[in-house]
Amino acid sequence: MSVVGQFLCVVKDGTIVILLPESEAGNVVRLTEMPMQKAVAPEVQEISVKKHEGKAIMVEGRSSGGWIYSAELIETAGPILSALVQKVFSR
């Protein structure tokens, strides 16, 4: 079973790309409020990130199989910080 973790991500072209932790960096994921053990598809409680396009976000949850389960959006960066995060991690 995966451990609850925090993930620094960026939303780009409608997809969520993990930047940190480094062990997950570059992985494209989707967010769901659904717990991992539910016998229902995670899409049922998928979290839309459309309004966060181009922004850095901090998410807490459990990463597995292209999803972050029990996901909570902890913080959304403003435009200046989002630009800085994208610049730093584009190297």
N, C-alpha and C. Protein backbone atom coordinates (compact mmCIF):
# COMPACT_ATOMS: atom_id res chain seq x y z
N MET A 1 0.85 -1.18 0.00
CA MET A 1 0.00 0.00 0.00
C MET A 1 0.89 1.24 0.00
N SER A 2 0.56 2.21 -0.81
CA SER A 2 1.38 3.41 -0.89
C SER A 2 1.12 4.33 0.30
N VAL A 3 2.12 5.15 0.58
CA VAL A 3 2.07 6.07 1.71
C VAL A 3 1.52 7.41 1.23
N VAL A 4 0.84 8.12 2.13
CA VAL A 4 0.36 9.46 1.78
C VAL A 4 1.58 10.34 1.59
N GLY A 5 1.60 11.07 0.46
CA GLY A 5 2.72 11.94 0.17
C GLY A 5 2.24 13.28 -0.36
N GLN A 6 3.17 14.21 -0.47
CA GLN A 6 2.89 15.50 -1.07
C GLN A 6 3.61 15.57 -2.40
N PHE A 7 2.93 16.15 -3.39
CA PHE A 7 3.44 16.18 -4.74
C PHE A 7 3.36 17.61 -5.28
N LEU A 8 4.52 18.13 -5.72
CA LEU A 8 4.53 19.41 -6.41
C LEU A 8 4.32 19.09 -7.87
N CYS A 9 3.30 19.68 -8.46
CA CYS A 9 2.92 19.37 -9.83
C CYS A 9 2.72 20.66 -10.61
N VAL A 10 2.67 20.52 -11.93
CA VAL A 10 2.30 21.63 -12.78
C VAL A 10 1.20 21.13 -13.72
N VAL A 11 0.22 21.98 -13.97
CA VAL A 11 -0.86 21.63 -14.89
C VAL A 11 -0.53 22.26 -16.23
N LYS A 12 -0.34 21.42 -17.24
CA LYS A 12 0.06 21.90 -18.56
C LYS A 12 -0.74 21.16 -19.63
N ASP A 13 -1.41 21.91 -20.46
CA ASP A 13 -2.24 21.33 -21.54
C ASP A 13 -3.25 20.32 -21.00
N GLY A 14 -3.82 20.63 -19.84
CA GLY A 14 -4.85 19.77 -19.26
C GLY A 14 -4.34 18.53 -18.55
N THR A 15 -3.00 18.36 -18.49
CA THR A 15 -2.45 17.21 -17.79
C THR A 15 -1.67 17.66 -16.56
N ILE A 16 -1.54 16.77 -15.61
CA ILE A 16 -0.82 17.05 -14.37
C ILE A 16 0.50 16.30 -14.43
N VAL A 17 1.59 17.06 -14.33
CA VAL A 17 2.92 16.46 -14.35
C VAL A 17 3.56 16.67 -12.98
N ILE A 18 4.03 15.59 -12.38
CA ILE A 18 4.69 15.67 -11.08
C ILE A 18 6.11 16.20 -11.26
N LEU A 19 6.48 17.18 -10.42
CA LEU A 19 7.84 17.72 -10.40
C LEU A 19 8.63 17.17 -9.21
N LEU A 20 7.99 17.07 -8.08
CA LEU A 20 8.60 16.52 -6.86
C LEU A 20 7.58 15.63 -6.18
N PRO A 21 7.99 14.57 -5.53
CA PRO A 21 9.35 14.15 -5.25
C PRO A 21 10.05 13.65 -6.51
N GLU A 22 11.37 13.67 -6.46
CA GLU A 22 12.16 13.27 -7.63
C GLU A 22 11.86 11.86 -8.09
N SER A 23 11.50 10.98 -7.16
CA SER A 23 11.19 9.59 -7.53
C SER A 23 9.96 9.49 -8.43
N GLU A 24 9.14 10.52 -8.46
CA GLU A 24 7.92 10.54 -9.28
C GLU A 24 8.00 11.58 -10.40
N ALA A 25 9.10 12.33 -10.45
CA ALA A 25 9.24 13.44 -11.40
C ALA A 25 9.01 13.00 -12.84
N GLY A 26 8.20 13.77 -13.55
CA GLY A 26 7.89 13.49 -14.95
C GLY A 26 6.66 12.62 -15.16
N ASN A 27 6.19 11.98 -14.10
CA ASN A 27 4.99 11.15 -14.22
C ASN A 27 3.76 12.02 -14.45
N VAL A 28 2.93 11.59 -15.38
CA VAL A 28 1.66 12.26 -15.64
C VAL A 28 0.60 11.51 -14.85
N VAL A 29 -0.18 12.27 -14.06
CA VAL A 29 -1.18 11.65 -13.20
C VAL A 29 -2.53 12.36 -13.33
N ARG A 30 -3.53 11.71 -12.79
CA ARG A 30 -4.85 12.31 -12.64
C ARG A 30 -5.19 12.28 -11.15
N LEU A 31 -6.08 13.15 -10.73
CA LEU A 31 -6.44 13.24 -9.32
C LEU A 31 -7.85 12.72 -9.09
N THR A 32 -8.00 11.98 -8.00
CA THR A 32 -9.33 11.50 -7.61
C THR A 32 -9.48 11.61 -6.10
N GLU A 33 -10.69 11.95 -5.67
CA GLU A 33 -11.00 11.98 -4.24
C GLU A 33 -11.22 10.56 -3.70
N MET A 34 -11.35 9.61 -4.60
CA MET A 34 -11.64 8.22 -4.24
C MET A 34 -10.46 7.58 -3.49
N PRO A 35 -10.75 6.85 -2.40
CA PRO A 35 -9.69 6.09 -1.73
C PRO A 35 -9.23 4.93 -2.62
N MET A 36 -8.03 4.46 -2.41
CA MET A 36 -7.46 3.39 -3.24
C MET A 36 -8.25 2.09 -3.17
N GLN A 37 -8.79 1.76 -2.04
CA GLN A 37 -9.42 0.46 -1.84
C GLN A 37 -10.85 0.36 -2.36
N LYS A 38 -11.42 1.44 -2.89
CA LYS A 38 -12.80 1.43 -3.38
C LYS A 38 -12.92 0.52 -4.61
N ALA A 39 -14.03 -0.18 -4.70
CA ALA A 39 -14.28 -1.07 -5.83
C ALA A 39 -15.04 -0.34 -6.94
N VAL A 40 -14.69 0.93 -7.14
CA VAL A 40 -15.32 1.76 -8.16
C VAL A 40 -14.20 2.45 -8.94
N ALA A 41 -14.44 2.72 -10.20
CA ALA A 41 -13.42 3.37 -11.02
C ALA A 41 -13.06 4.75 -10.46
N PRO A 42 -11.77 5.12 -10.45
CA PRO A 42 -11.36 6.42 -9.89
C PRO A 42 -11.94 7.62 -10.65
N GLU A 43 -12.32 7.42 -11.91
CA GLU A 43 -12.91 8.50 -12.70
C GLU A 43 -14.19 9.05 -12.09
N VAL A 44 -14.88 8.23 -11.30
CA VAL A 44 -16.14 8.64 -10.69
C VAL A 44 -15.97 9.90 -9.84
N GLN A 45 -14.83 10.02 -9.16
CA GLN A 45 -14.58 11.18 -8.31
C GLN A 45 -13.33 11.93 -8.76
N GLU A 46 -13.11 11.96 -10.07
CA GLU A 46 -11.94 12.68 -10.60
C GLU A 46 -12.06 14.18 -10.33
N ILE A 47 -10.94 14.78 -9.97
CA ILE A 47 -10.88 16.21 -9.69
C ILE A 47 -10.47 16.94 -10.96
N SER A 48 -11.27 17.90 -11.38
CA SER A 48 -10.95 18.68 -12.58
C SER A 48 -9.86 19.70 -12.25
N VAL A 49 -8.91 19.84 -13.15
CA VAL A 49 -7.82 20.81 -12.95
C VAL A 49 -7.84 21.92 -14.00
N LYS A 50 -8.93 22.02 -14.73
CA LYS A 50 -9.02 23.02 -15.79
C LYS A 50 -8.72 24.44 -15.31
N LYS A 51 -9.22 24.80 -14.14
CA LYS A 51 -9.03 26.16 -13.65
C LYS A 51 -7.61 26.40 -13.14
N HIS A 52 -6.80 25.35 -13.09
CA HIS A 52 -5.41 25.48 -12.62
C HIS A 52 -4.41 25.43 -13.78
N GLU A 53 -4.89 25.51 -15.00
CA GLU A 53 -4.03 25.44 -16.19
C GLU A 53 -2.88 26.44 -16.08
N GLY A 54 -1.66 25.94 -16.31
CA GLY A 54 -0.47 26.79 -16.31
C GLY A 54 0.06 27.10 -14.93
N LYS A 55 -0.54 26.50 -13.90
CA LYS A 55 -0.13 26.82 -12.53
C LYS A 55 0.56 25.63 -11.87
N ALA A 56 1.37 25.95 -10.87
CA ALA A 56 1.96 24.93 -10.01
C ALA A 56 0.96 24.64 -8.90
N ILE A 57 0.81 23.36 -8.56
CA ILE A 57 -0.12 22.96 -7.49
C ILE A 57 0.59 22.00 -6.55
N MET A 58 0.17 22.01 -5.29
CA MET A 58 0.66 21.05 -4.31
C MET A 58 -0.51 20.15 -3.96
N VAL A 59 -0.28 18.85 -4.11
CA VAL A 59 -1.33 17.86 -3.89
C VAL A 59 -0.86 16.86 -2.84
N GLU A 60 -1.79 16.46 -1.98
CA GLU A 60 -1.50 15.41 -1.00
C GLU A 60 -2.38 14.21 -1.32
N GLY A 61 -1.80 13.02 -1.27
CA GLY A 61 -2.57 11.82 -1.54
C GLY A 61 -1.66 10.62 -1.72
N ARG A 62 -2.20 9.56 -2.30
CA ARG A 62 -1.48 8.31 -2.52
C ARG A 62 -1.35 8.05 -4.03
N SER A 63 -0.11 7.96 -4.50
CA SER A 63 0.15 7.78 -5.92
C SER A 63 0.21 6.31 -6.27
N SER A 64 -0.54 5.94 -7.31
CA SER A 64 -0.53 4.55 -7.79
C SER A 64 -1.17 4.47 -9.17
N GLY A 65 -0.48 3.85 -10.10
CA GLY A 65 -1.05 3.55 -11.41
C GLY A 65 -1.56 4.75 -12.19
N GLY A 66 -0.84 5.87 -12.14
CA GLY A 66 -1.25 7.04 -12.91
C GLY A 66 -2.30 7.91 -12.23
N TRP A 67 -2.61 7.60 -10.98
CA TRP A 67 -3.60 8.36 -10.22
C TRP A 67 -3.00 8.78 -8.89
N ILE A 68 -3.47 9.91 -8.35
CA ILE A 68 -3.24 10.24 -6.95
C ILE A 68 -4.60 10.09 -6.27
N TYR A 69 -4.70 9.05 -5.43
CA TYR A 69 -5.94 8.72 -4.73
C TYR A 69 -6.08 9.54 -3.44
N SER A 70 -7.30 9.71 -2.98
CA SER A 70 -7.60 10.51 -1.78
C SER A 70 -6.93 11.88 -1.91
N ALA A 71 -6.93 12.41 -3.13
CA ALA A 71 -6.20 13.64 -3.43
C ALA A 71 -6.85 14.87 -2.80
N GLU A 72 -6.00 15.70 -2.23
CA GLU A 72 -6.42 17.00 -1.71
C GLU A 72 -5.52 18.05 -2.32
N LEU A 73 -6.10 19.04 -2.93
CA LEU A 73 -5.35 20.15 -3.48
C LEU A 73 -5.02 21.09 -2.32
N ILE A 74 -3.76 21.10 -1.91
CA ILE A 74 -3.35 21.86 -0.73
C ILE A 74 -3.12 23.33 -1.06
N GLU A 75 -2.51 23.59 -2.23
CA GLU A 75 -2.22 24.98 -2.58
C GLU A 75 -2.07 25.11 -4.09
N THR A 76 -2.48 26.26 -4.58
CA THR A 76 -2.29 26.62 -5.98
C THR A 76 -1.43 27.88 -6.01
N ALA A 77 -0.33 27.81 -6.74
CA ALA A 77 0.58 28.96 -6.83
C ALA A 77 -0.01 30.03 -7.74
N GLY A 78 0.33 31.27 -7.45
CA GLY A 78 -0.05 32.38 -8.31
C GLY A 78 0.80 32.41 -9.56
N PRO A 79 0.56 33.36 -10.44
CA PRO A 79 1.27 33.39 -11.72
C PRO A 79 2.78 33.56 -11.61
N ILE A 80 3.25 34.37 -10.67
CA ILE A 80 4.70 34.61 -10.55
C ILE A 80 5.39 33.34 -10.05
N LEU A 81 4.89 32.76 -8.98
CA LEU A 81 5.50 31.56 -8.44
C LEU A 81 5.38 30.39 -9.42
N SER A 82 4.27 30.28 -10.12
CA SER A 82 4.10 29.22 -11.11
C SER A 82 5.14 29.34 -12.22
N ALA A 83 5.38 30.56 -12.69
CA ALA A 83 6.38 30.78 -13.73
C ALA A 83 7.77 30.40 -13.23
N LEU A 84 8.08 30.76 -12.00
CA LEU A 84 9.37 30.44 -11.40
C LEU A 84 9.55 28.92 -11.27
N VAL A 85 8.54 28.25 -10.78
CA VAL A 85 8.61 26.79 -10.63
C VAL A 85 8.83 26.13 -11.98
N GLN A 86 8.09 26.56 -13.00
CA GLN A 86 8.25 25.96 -14.32
C GLN A 86 9.64 26.22 -14.89
N LYS A 87 10.18 27.40 -14.66
CA LYS A 87 11.52 27.75 -15.14
C LYS A 87 12.58 26.88 -14.45
N VAL A 88 12.51 26.75 -13.14
CA VAL A 88 13.47 25.97 -12.38
C VAL A 88 13.44 24.49 -12.79
N PHE A 89 12.26 23.94 -12.97
CA PHE A 89 12.13 22.51 -13.27
C PHE A 89 12.21 22.20 -14.76
N SER A 90 12.36 23.19 -15.61
CA SER A 90 12.47 22.92 -17.04
C SER A 90 13.87 22.52 -17.43
N ARG A 91 14.80 22.60 -16.51
CA ARG A 91 16.21 22.24 -16.80
C ARG A 91 16.44 20.78 -16.73
